Amino acid sequence: ATPSEELDNAAMMIRSWLPLDHEV
């Protein structure tokens, strides 16, 4: 709905793609 929400969604998406610290 807003630019801020789009950035929230982007941050959440990128985190889901990145490996956790303990993962290979």
mmCIF file of all heavy atoms, coordinates in Angstrom:
data_MODEL
# 
_entry.id   MODEL 
# 
loop_
_atom_site.group_PDB 
_atom_site.id 
_atom_site.type_symbol 
_atom_site.label_atom_id 
_atom_site.label_alt_id 
_atom_site.label_comp_id 
_atom_site.label_asym_id 
_atom_site.label_entity_id 
_atom_site.label_seq_id 
_atom_site.pdbx_PDB_ins_code 
_atom_site.Cartn_x 
_atom_site.Cartn_y 
_atom_site.Cartn_z 
_atom_site.occupancy 
_atom_site.B_iso_or_equiv 
_atom_site.pdbx_formal_charge 
_atom_site.auth_seq_id 
_atom_site.auth_comp_id 
_atom_site.auth_asym_id 
_atom_site.auth_atom_id 
_atom_site.pdbx_PDB_model_num 
ATOM 1   N N   . ALA A 1 1  ? 0.817  -1.213  0.000  1.00 0.00 ? 1  ALA A N   1 
ATOM 2   C CA  . ALA A 1 1  ? 0.000  0.000   0.000  1.00 0.00 ? 1  ALA A CA  1 
ATOM 3   C C   . ALA A 1 1  ? 0.846  1.257   0.000  1.00 0.00 ? 1  ALA A C   1 
ATOM 4   O O   . ALA A 1 1  ? 0.445  2.294   -0.530 1.00 0.00 ? 1  ALA A O   1 
ATOM 5   C CB  . ALA A 1 1  ? -0.929 -0.012  1.209  1.00 0.00 ? 1  ALA A CB  1 
ATOM 6   N N   . THR A 1 2  ? 2.068  1.180   0.588  1.00 0.00 ? 2  THR A N   1 
ATOM 7   C CA  . THR A 1 2  ? 2.920  2.360   0.734  1.00 0.00 ? 2  THR A CA  1 
ATOM 8   C C   . THR A 1 2  ? 4.370  1.995   0.416  1.00 0.00 ? 2  THR A C   1 
ATOM 9   O O   . THR A 1 2  ? 4.754  0.808   0.446  1.00 0.00 ? 2  THR A O   1 
ATOM 10  C CB  . THR A 1 2  ? 2.869  2.894   2.174  1.00 0.00 ? 2  THR A CB  1 
ATOM 11  O OG1 . THR A 1 2  ? 3.442  1.900   3.059  1.00 0.00 ? 2  THR A OG1 1 
ATOM 12  C CG2 . THR A 1 2  ? 1.434  3.198   2.589  1.00 0.00 ? 2  THR A CG2 1 
ATOM 13  N N   . PRO A 1 3  ? 5.221  2.998   0.146  1.00 0.00 ? 3  PRO A N   1 
ATOM 14  C CA  . PRO A 1 3  ? 6.647  2.727   -0.056 1.00 0.00 ? 3  PRO A CA  1 
ATOM 15  C C   . PRO A 1 3  ? 7.281  2.046   1.149  1.00 0.00 ? 3  PRO A C   1 
ATOM 16  O O   . PRO A 1 3  ? 8.130  1.157   0.995  1.00 0.00 ? 3  PRO A O   1 
ATOM 17  C CB  . PRO A 1 3  ? 7.244  4.113   -0.299 1.00 0.00 ? 3  PRO A CB  1 
ATOM 18  C CG  . PRO A 1 3  ? 6.114  4.934   -0.829 1.00 0.00 ? 3  PRO A CG  1 
ATOM 19  C CD  . PRO A 1 3  ? 4.891  4.429   -0.124 1.00 0.00 ? 3  PRO A CD  1 
ATOM 20  N N   . SER A 1 4  ? 6.910  2.454   2.344  1.00 0.00 ? 4  SER A N   1 
ATOM 21  C CA  . SER A 1 4  ? 7.477  1.847   3.551  1.00 0.00 ? 4  SER A CA  1 
ATOM 22  C C   . SER A 1 4  ? 7.120  0.373   3.648  1.00 0.00 ? 4  SER A C   1 
ATOM 23  O O   . SER A 1 4  ? 7.964  -0.466  3.993  1.00 0.00 ? 4  SER A O   1 
ATOM 24  C CB  . SER A 1 4  ? 6.975  2.597   4.786  1.00 0.00 ? 4  SER A CB  1 
ATOM 25  O OG  . SER A 1 4  ? 7.509  2.030   5.968  1.00 0.00 ? 4  SER A OG  1 
ATOM 26  N N   . GLU A 1 5  ? 5.886  0.036   3.315  1.00 0.00 ? 5  GLU A N   1 
ATOM 27  C CA  . GLU A 1 5  ? 5.482  -1.363  3.359  1.00 0.00 ? 5  GLU A CA  1 
ATOM 28  C C   . GLU A 1 5  ? 6.221  -2.184  2.305  1.00 0.00 ? 5  GLU A C   1 
ATOM 29  O O   . GLU A 1 5  ? 6.591  -3.333  2.546  1.00 0.00 ? 5  GLU A O   1 
ATOM 30  C CB  . GLU A 1 5  ? 3.971  -1.481  3.141  1.00 0.00 ? 5  GLU A CB  1 
ATOM 31  C CG  . GLU A 1 5  ? 3.450  -2.923  3.254  1.00 0.00 ? 5  GLU A CG  1 
ATOM 32  C CD  . GLU A 1 5  ? 1.964  -3.022  2.970  1.00 0.00 ? 5  GLU A CD  1 
ATOM 33  O OE1 . GLU A 1 5  ? 1.253  -1.999  3.097  1.00 0.00 ? 5  GLU A OE1 1 
ATOM 34  O OE2 . GLU A 1 5  ? 1.510  -4.134  2.608  1.00 0.00 ? 5  GLU A OE2 1 
ATOM 35  N N   . GLU A 1 6  ? 6.472  -1.585  1.155  1.00 0.00 ? 6  GLU A N   1 
ATOM 36  C CA  . GLU A 1 6  ? 7.216  -2.303  0.122  1.00 0.00 ? 6  GLU A CA  1 
ATOM 37  C C   . GLU A 1 6  ? 8.641  -2.604  0.595  1.00 0.00 ? 6  GLU A C   1 
ATOM 38  O O   . GLU A 1 6  ? 9.174  -3.691  0.353  1.00 0.00 ? 6  GLU A O   1 
ATOM 39  C CB  . GLU A 1 6  ? 7.246  -1.508  -1.184 1.00 0.00 ? 6  GLU A CB  1 
ATOM 40  C CG  . GLU A 1 6  ? 7.865  -2.304  -2.331 1.00 0.00 ? 6  GLU A CG  1 
ATOM 41  C CD  . GLU A 1 6  ? 7.873  -1.567  -3.661 1.00 0.00 ? 6  GLU A CD  1 
ATOM 42  O OE1 . GLU A 1 6  ? 7.424  -0.399  -3.707 1.00 0.00 ? 6  GLU A OE1 1 
ATOM 43  O OE2 . GLU A 1 6  ? 8.341  -2.153  -4.646 1.00 0.00 ? 6  GLU A OE2 1 
ATOM 44  N N   . LEU A 1 7  ? 9.270  -1.644  1.289  1.00 0.00 ? 7  LEU A N   1 
ATOM 45  C CA  . LEU A 1 7  ? 10.601 -1.892  1.853  1.00 0.00 ? 7  LEU A CA  1 
ATOM 46  C C   . LEU A 1 7  ? 10.550 -2.962  2.942  1.00 0.00 ? 7  LEU A C   1 
ATOM 47  O O   . LEU A 1 7  ? 11.460 -3.798  3.042  1.00 0.00 ? 7  LEU A O   1 
ATOM 48  C CB  . LEU A 1 7  ? 11.177 -0.587  2.411  1.00 0.00 ? 7  LEU A CB  1 
ATOM 49  C CG  . LEU A 1 7  ? 11.746 0.384   1.376  1.00 0.00 ? 7  LEU A CG  1 
ATOM 50  C CD1 . LEU A 1 7  ? 11.977 1.750   2.002  1.00 0.00 ? 7  LEU A CD1 1 
ATOM 51  C CD2 . LEU A 1 7  ? 13.050 -0.164  0.793  1.00 0.00 ? 7  LEU A CD2 1 
ATOM 52  N N   . ASP A 1 8  ? 9.482  -2.957  3.768  1.00 0.00 ? 8  ASP A N   1 
ATOM 53  C CA  . ASP A 1 8  ? 9.320  -4.002  4.782  1.00 0.00 ? 8  ASP A CA  1 
ATOM 54  C C   . ASP A 1 8  ? 9.270  -5.375  4.113  1.00 0.00 ? 8  ASP A C   1 
ATOM 55  O O   . ASP A 1 8  ? 9.935  -6.327  4.556  1.00 0.00 ? 8  ASP A O   1 
ATOM 56  C CB  . ASP A 1 8  ? 8.029  -3.785  5.581  1.00 0.00 ? 8  ASP A CB  1 
ATOM 57  C CG  . ASP A 1 8  ? 8.092  -2.562  6.493  1.00 0.00 ? 8  ASP A CG  1 
ATOM 58  O OD1 . ASP A 1 8  ? 9.213  -2.106  6.796  1.00 0.00 ? 8  ASP A OD1 1 
ATOM 59  O OD2 . ASP A 1 8  ? 7.014  -2.078  6.883  1.00 0.00 ? 8  ASP A OD2 1 
ATOM 60  N N   . ASN A 1 9  ? 8.480  -5.477  3.043  1.00 0.00 ? 9  ASN A N   1 
ATOM 61  C CA  . ASN A 1 9  ? 8.352  -6.747  2.323  1.00 0.00 ? 9  ASN A CA  1 
ATOM 62  C C   . ASN A 1 9  ? 9.688  -7.183  1.724  1.00 0.00 ? 9  ASN A C   1 
ATOM 63  O O   . ASN A 1 9  ? 10.044 -8.361  1.761  1.00 0.00 ? 9  ASN A O   1 
ATOM 64  C CB  . ASN A 1 9  ? 7.312  -6.626  1.215  1.00 0.00 ? 9  ASN A CB  1 
ATOM 65  C CG  . ASN A 1 9  ? 5.907  -6.431  1.739  1.00 0.00 ? 9  ASN A CG  1 
ATOM 66  O OD1 . ASN A 1 9  ? 5.626  -6.721  2.906  1.00 0.00 ? 9  ASN A OD1 1 
ATOM 67  N ND2 . ASN A 1 9  ? 5.008  -5.945  0.889  1.00 0.00 ? 9  ASN A ND2 1 
ATOM 68  N N   . ALA A 1 10 ? 10.424 -6.211  1.165  1.00 0.00 ? 10 ALA A N   1 
ATOM 69  C CA  . ALA A 1 10 ? 11.713 -6.529  0.550  1.00 0.00 ? 10 ALA A CA  1 
ATOM 70  C C   . ALA A 1 10 ? 12.701 -7.044  1.598  1.00 0.00 ? 10 ALA A C   1 
ATOM 71  O O   . ALA A 1 10 ? 13.421 -8.025  1.367  1.00 0.00 ? 10 ALA A O   1 
ATOM 72  C CB  . ALA A 1 10 ? 12.278 -5.301  -0.148 1.00 0.00 ? 10 ALA A CB  1 
ATOM 73  N N   . ALA A 1 11 ? 12.750 -6.387  2.746  1.00 0.00 ? 11 ALA A N   1 
ATOM 74  C CA  . ALA A 1 11 ? 13.660 -6.818  3.812  1.00 0.00 ? 11 ALA A CA  1 
ATOM 75  C C   . ALA A 1 11 ? 13.324 -8.228  4.270  1.00 0.00 ? 11 ALA A C   1 
ATOM 76  O O   . ALA A 1 11 ? 14.226 -9.071  4.463  1.00 0.00 ? 11 ALA A O   1 
ATOM 77  C CB  . ALA A 1 11 ? 13.567 -5.838  4.989  1.00 0.00 ? 11 ALA A CB  1 
ATOM 78  N N   . MET A 1 12 ? 12.045 -8.520  4.434  1.00 0.00 ? 12 MET A N   1 
ATOM 79  C CA  . MET A 1 12 ? 11.629 -9.850  4.870  1.00 0.00 ? 12 MET A CA  1 
ATOM 80  C C   . MET A 1 12 ? 11.984 -10.899 3.818  1.00 0.00 ? 12 MET A C   1 
ATOM 81  O O   . MET A 1 12 ? 12.447 -11.999 4.140  1.00 0.00 ? 12 MET A O   1 
ATOM 82  C CB  . MET A 1 12 ? 10.122 -9.841  5.144  1.00 0.00 ? 12 MET A CB  1 
ATOM 83  C CG  . MET A 1 12 ? 9.589  -11.134 5.726  1.00 0.00 ? 12 MET A CG  1 
ATOM 84  S SD  . MET A 1 12 ? 7.921  -10.949 6.439  1.00 0.00 ? 12 MET A SD  1 
ATOM 85  C CE  . MET A 1 12 ? 7.168  -9.744  5.355  1.00 0.00 ? 12 MET A CE  1 
ATOM 86  N N   . MET A 1 13 ? 11.806 -10.561 2.553  1.00 0.00 ? 13 MET A N   1 
ATOM 87  C CA  . MET A 1 13 ? 12.088 -11.500 1.477  1.00 0.00 ? 13 MET A CA  1 
ATOM 88  C C   . MET A 1 13 ? 13.580 -11.817 1.404  1.00 0.00 ? 13 MET A C   1 
ATOM 89  O O   . MET A 1 13 ? 13.984 -12.988 1.283  1.00 0.00 ? 13 MET A O   1 
ATOM 90  C CB  . MET A 1 13 ? 11.599 -10.913 0.150  1.00 0.00 ? 13 MET A CB  1 
ATOM 91  C CG  . MET A 1 13 ? 11.525 -11.906 -0.990 1.00 0.00 ? 13 MET A CG  1 
ATOM 92  S SD  . MET A 1 13 ? 10.866 -11.134 -2.498 1.00 0.00 ? 13 MET A SD  1 
ATOM 93  C CE  . MET A 1 13 ? 9.262  -10.561 -1.923 1.00 0.00 ? 13 MET A CE  1 
ATOM 94  N N   . ILE A 1 14 ? 14.410 -10.789 1.473  1.00 0.00 ? 14 ILE A N   1 
ATOM 95  C CA  . ILE A 1 14 ? 15.855 -11.010 1.376  1.00 0.00 ? 14 ILE A CA  1 
ATOM 96  C C   . ILE A 1 14 ? 16.342 -11.836 2.561  1.00 0.00 ? 14 ILE A C   1 
ATOM 97  O O   . ILE A 1 14 ? 17.192 -12.727 2.404  1.00 0.00 ? 14 ILE A O   1 
ATOM 98  C CB  . ILE A 1 14 ? 16.595 -9.661  1.289  1.00 0.00 ? 14 ILE A CB  1 
ATOM 99  C CG1 . ILE A 1 14 ? 16.242 -8.955  -0.025 1.00 0.00 ? 14 ILE A CG1 1 
ATOM 100 C CG2 . ILE A 1 14 ? 18.103 -9.859  1.392  1.00 0.00 ? 14 ILE A CG2 1 
ATOM 101 C CD1 . ILE A 1 14 ? 16.738 -7.536  -0.120 1.00 0.00 ? 14 ILE A CD1 1 
ATOM 102 N N   . ARG A 1 15 ? 15.826 -11.565 3.753  1.00 0.00 ? 15 ARG A N   1 
ATOM 103 C CA  . ARG A 1 15 ? 16.203 -12.373 4.919  1.00 0.00 ? 15 ARG A CA  1 
ATOM 104 C C   . ARG A 1 15 ? 15.851 -13.845 4.698  1.00 0.00 ? 15 ARG A C   1 
ATOM 105 O O   . ARG A 1 15 ? 16.604 -14.743 5.084  1.00 0.00 ? 15 ARG A O   1 
ATOM 106 C CB  . ARG A 1 15 ? 15.493 -11.868 6.170  1.00 0.00 ? 15 ARG A CB  1 
ATOM 107 C CG  . ARG A 1 15 ? 16.058 -10.594 6.758  1.00 0.00 ? 15 ARG A CG  1 
ATOM 108 C CD  . ARG A 1 15 ? 15.551 -10.381 8.180  1.00 0.00 ? 15 ARG A CD  1 
ATOM 109 N NE  . ARG A 1 15 ? 15.825 -9.024  8.637  1.00 0.00 ? 15 ARG A NE  1 
ATOM 110 C CZ  . ARG A 1 15 ? 14.958 -8.022  8.567  1.00 0.00 ? 15 ARG A CZ  1 
ATOM 111 N NH1 . ARG A 1 15 ? 13.745 -8.226  8.061  1.00 0.00 ? 15 ARG A NH1 1 
ATOM 112 N NH2 . ARG A 1 15 ? 15.287 -6.811  8.988  1.00 0.00 ? 15 ARG A NH2 1 
ATOM 113 N N   . SER A 1 16 ? 14.717 -14.115 4.082  1.00 0.00 ? 16 SER A N   1 
ATOM 114 C CA  . SER A 1 16 ? 14.301 -15.503 3.855  1.00 0.00 ? 16 SER A CA  1 
ATOM 115 C C   . SER A 1 16 ? 15.198 -16.206 2.845  1.00 0.00 ? 16 SER A C   1 
ATOM 116 O O   . SER A 1 16 ? 15.298 -17.435 2.856  1.00 0.00 ? 16 SER A O   1 
ATOM 117 C CB  . SER A 1 16 ? 12.846 -15.546 3.382  1.00 0.00 ? 16 SER A CB  1 
ATOM 118 O OG  . SER A 1 16 ? 12.721 -15.089 2.038  1.00 0.00 ? 16 SER A OG  1 
ATOM 119 N N   . TRP A 1 17 ? 15.842 -15.422 1.970  1.00 0.00 ? 17 TRP A N   1 
ATOM 120 C CA  . TRP A 1 17 ? 16.739 -16.019 0.986  1.00 0.00 ? 17 TRP A CA  1 
ATOM 121 C C   . TRP A 1 17 ? 18.129 -16.274 1.558  1.00 0.00 ? 17 TRP A C   1 
ATOM 122 O O   . TRP A 1 17 ? 18.824 -17.201 1.122  1.00 0.00 ? 17 TRP A O   1 
ATOM 123 C CB  . TRP A 1 17 ? 16.872 -15.101 -0.228 1.00 0.00 ? 17 TRP A CB  1 
ATOM 124 C CG  . TRP A 1 17 ? 15.624 -14.951 -1.034 1.00 0.00 ? 17 TRP A CG  1 
ATOM 125 C CD1 . TRP A 1 17 ? 14.535 -15.775 -1.013 1.00 0.00 ? 17 TRP A CD1 1 
ATOM 126 C CD2 . TRP A 1 17 ? 15.324 -13.907 -1.975 1.00 0.00 ? 17 TRP A CD2 1 
ATOM 127 N NE1 . TRP A 1 17 ? 13.574 -15.322 -1.876 1.00 0.00 ? 17 TRP A NE1 1 
ATOM 128 C CE2 . TRP A 1 17 ? 14.023 -14.176 -2.484 1.00 0.00 ? 17 TRP A CE2 1 
ATOM 129 C CE3 . TRP A 1 17 ? 16.004 -12.787 -2.429 1.00 0.00 ? 17 TRP A CE3 1 
ATOM 130 C CZ2 . TRP A 1 17 ? 13.408 -13.356 -3.443 1.00 0.00 ? 17 TRP A CZ2 1 
ATOM 131 C CZ3 . TRP A 1 17 ? 15.403 -11.972 -3.367 1.00 0.00 ? 17 TRP A CZ3 1 
ATOM 132 C CH2 . TRP A 1 17 ? 14.126 -12.255 -3.876 1.00 0.00 ? 17 TRP A CH2 1 
ATOM 133 N N   . LEU A 1 18 ? 18.558 -15.443 2.495  1.00 0.00 ? 18 LEU A N   1 
ATOM 134 C CA  . LEU A 1 18 ? 19.910 -15.555 3.032  1.00 0.00 ? 18 LEU A CA  1 
ATOM 135 C C   . LEU A 1 18 ? 20.028 -16.751 3.982  1.00 0.00 ? 18 LEU A C   1 
ATOM 136 O O   . LEU A 1 18 ? 19.075 -17.079 4.683  1.00 0.00 ? 18 LEU A O   1 
ATOM 137 C CB  . LEU A 1 18 ? 20.283 -14.278 3.782  1.00 0.00 ? 18 LEU A CB  1 
ATOM 138 C CG  . LEU A 1 18 ? 20.554 -13.043 2.926  1.00 0.00 ? 18 LEU A CG  1 
ATOM 139 C CD1 . LEU A 1 18 ? 20.622 -11.810 3.804  1.00 0.00 ? 18 LEU A CD1 1 
ATOM 140 C CD2 . LEU A 1 18 ? 21.841 -13.216 2.137  1.00 0.00 ? 18 LEU A CD2 1 
ATOM 141 N N   . PRO A 1 19 ? 21.206 -17.387 4.015  1.00 0.00 ? 19 PRO A N   1 
ATOM 142 C CA  . PRO A 1 19 ? 21.393 -18.497 4.958  1.00 0.00 ? 19 PRO A CA  1 
ATOM 143 C C   . PRO A 1 19 ? 21.494 -17.972 6.388  1.00 0.00 ? 19 PRO A C   1 
ATOM 144 O O   . PRO A 1 19 ? 21.949 -16.849 6.628  1.00 0.00 ? 19 PRO A O   1 
ATOM 145 C CB  . PRO A 1 19 ? 22.717 -19.110 4.505  1.00 0.00 ? 19 PRO A CB  1 
ATOM 146 C CG  . PRO A 1 19 ? 23.458 -17.990 3.849  1.00 0.00 ? 19 PRO A CG  1 
ATOM 147 C CD  . PRO A 1 19 ? 22.401 -17.132 3.198  1.00 0.00 ? 19 PRO A CD  1 
ATOM 148 N N   . LEU A 1 20 ? 21.038 -18.785 7.335  1.00 0.00 ? 20 LEU A N   1 
ATOM 149 C CA  . LEU A 1 20 ? 21.266 -18.462 8.734  1.00 0.00 ? 20 LEU A CA  1 
ATOM 150 C C   . LEU A 1 20 ? 22.742 -18.623 9.055  1.00 0.00 ? 20 LEU A C   1 
ATOM 151 O O   . LEU A 1 20 ? 23.479 -19.296 8.335  1.00 0.00 ? 20 LEU A O   1 
ATOM 152 C CB  . LEU A 1 20 ? 20.425 -19.374 9.639  1.00 0.00 ? 20 LEU A CB  1 
ATOM 153 C CG  . LEU A 1 20 ? 18.902 -19.274 9.434  1.00 0.00 ? 20 LEU A CG  1 
ATOM 154 C CD1 . LEU A 1 20 ? 18.196 -20.324 10.293 1.00 0.00 ? 20 LEU A CD1 1 
ATOM 155 C CD2 . LEU A 1 20 ? 18.396 -17.880 9.756  1.00 0.00 ? 20 LEU A CD2 1 
ATOM 156 N N   . ASP A 1 21 ? 23.202 -17.997 10.129 1.00 0.00 ? 21 ASP A N   1 
ATOM 157 C CA  . ASP A 1 21 ? 24.625 -18.007 10.471 1.00 0.00 ? 21 ASP A CA  1 
ATOM 158 C C   . ASP A 1 21 ? 25.181 -19.423 10.591 1.00 0.00 ? 21 ASP A C   1 
ATOM 159 O O   . ASP A 1 21 ? 26.339 -19.680 10.250 1.00 0.00 ? 21 ASP A O   1 
ATOM 160 C CB  . ASP A 1 21 ? 24.855 -17.258 11.783 1.00 0.00 ? 21 ASP A CB  1 
ATOM 161 C CG  . ASP A 1 21 ? 24.610 -15.760 11.630 1.00 0.00 ? 21 ASP A CG  1 
ATOM 162 O OD1 . ASP A 1 21 ? 24.630 -15.288 10.480 1.00 0.00 ? 21 ASP A OD1 1 
ATOM 163 O OD2 . ASP A 1 21 ? 24.376 -15.101 12.648 1.00 0.00 ? 21 ASP A OD2 1 
ATOM 164 N N   . HIS A 1 22 ? 24.370 -20.365 11.071 1.00 0.00 ? 22 HIS A N   1 
ATOM 165 C CA  . HIS A 1 22 ? 24.879 -21.714 11.318 1.00 0.00 ? 22 HIS A CA  1 
ATOM 166 C C   . HIS A 1 22 ? 24.672 -22.636 10.115 1.00 0.00 ? 22 HIS A C   1 
ATOM 167 O O   . HIS A 1 22 ? 25.063 -23.800 10.160 1.00 0.00 ? 22 HIS A O   1 
ATOM 168 C CB  . HIS A 1 22 ? 24.177 -22.325 12.544 1.00 0.00 ? 22 HIS A CB  1 
ATOM 169 C CG  . HIS A 1 22 ? 22.705 -22.516 12.350 1.00 0.00 ? 22 HIS A CG  1 
ATOM 170 N ND1 . HIS A 1 22 ? 21.810 -21.489 12.551 1.00 0.00 ? 22 HIS A ND1 1 
ATOM 171 C CD2 . HIS A 1 22 ? 21.980 -23.594 11.960 1.00 0.00 ? 22 HIS A CD2 1 
ATOM 172 C CE1 . HIS A 1 22 ? 20.573 -21.932 12.311 1.00 0.00 ? 22 HIS A CE1 1 
ATOM 173 N NE2 . HIS A 1 22 ? 20.651 -23.205 11.938 1.00 0.00 ? 22 HIS A NE2 1 
ATOM 174 N N   . GLU A 1 23 ? 24.048 -22.119 9.035  1.00 0.00 ? 23 GLU A N   1 
ATOM 175 C CA  . GLU A 1 23 ? 23.768 -22.969 7.885  1.00 0.00 ? 23 GLU A CA  1 
ATOM 176 C C   . GLU A 1 23 ? 24.862 -22.844 6.825  1.00 0.00 ? 23 GLU A C   1 
ATOM 177 O O   . GLU A 1 23 ? 25.487 -21.801 6.671  1.00 0.00 ? 23 GLU A O   1 
ATOM 178 C CB  . GLU A 1 23 ? 22.431 -22.573 7.245  1.00 0.00 ? 23 GLU A CB  1 
ATOM 179 C CG  . GLU A 1 23 ? 21.221 -22.971 8.065  1.00 0.00 ? 23 GLU A CG  1 
ATOM 180 C CD  . GLU A 1 23 ? 19.938 -22.582 7.339  1.00 0.00 ? 23 GLU A CD  1 
ATOM 181 O OE1 . GLU A 1 23 ? 19.998 -21.677 6.481  1.00 0.00 ? 23 GLU A OE1 1 
ATOM 182 O OE2 . GLU A 1 23 ? 18.913 -23.189 7.639  1.00 0.00 ? 23 GLU A OE2 1 
ATOM 183 N N   . VAL A 1 24 ? 25.064 -23.914 6.102  1.00 0.00 ? 24 VAL A N   1 
ATOM 184 C CA  . VAL A 1 24 ? 25.931 -23.858 4.927  1.00 0.00 ? 24 VAL A CA  1 
ATOM 185 C C   . VAL A 1 24 ? 25.082 -23.411 3.756  1.00 0.00 ? 24 VAL A C   1 
ATOM 186 O O   . VAL A 1 24 ? 23.854 -23.471 3.785  1.00 0.00 ? 24 VAL A O   1 
ATOM 187 C CB  . VAL A 1 24 ? 26.561 -25.242 4.634  1.00 0.00 ? 24 VAL A CB  1 
ATOM 188 C CG1 . VAL A 1 24 ? 27.459 -25.668 5.773  1.00 0.00 ? 24 VAL A CG1 1 
ATOM 189 C CG2 . VAL A 1 24 ? 25.476 -26.291 4.381  1.00 0.00 ? 24 VAL A CG2 1 
# 
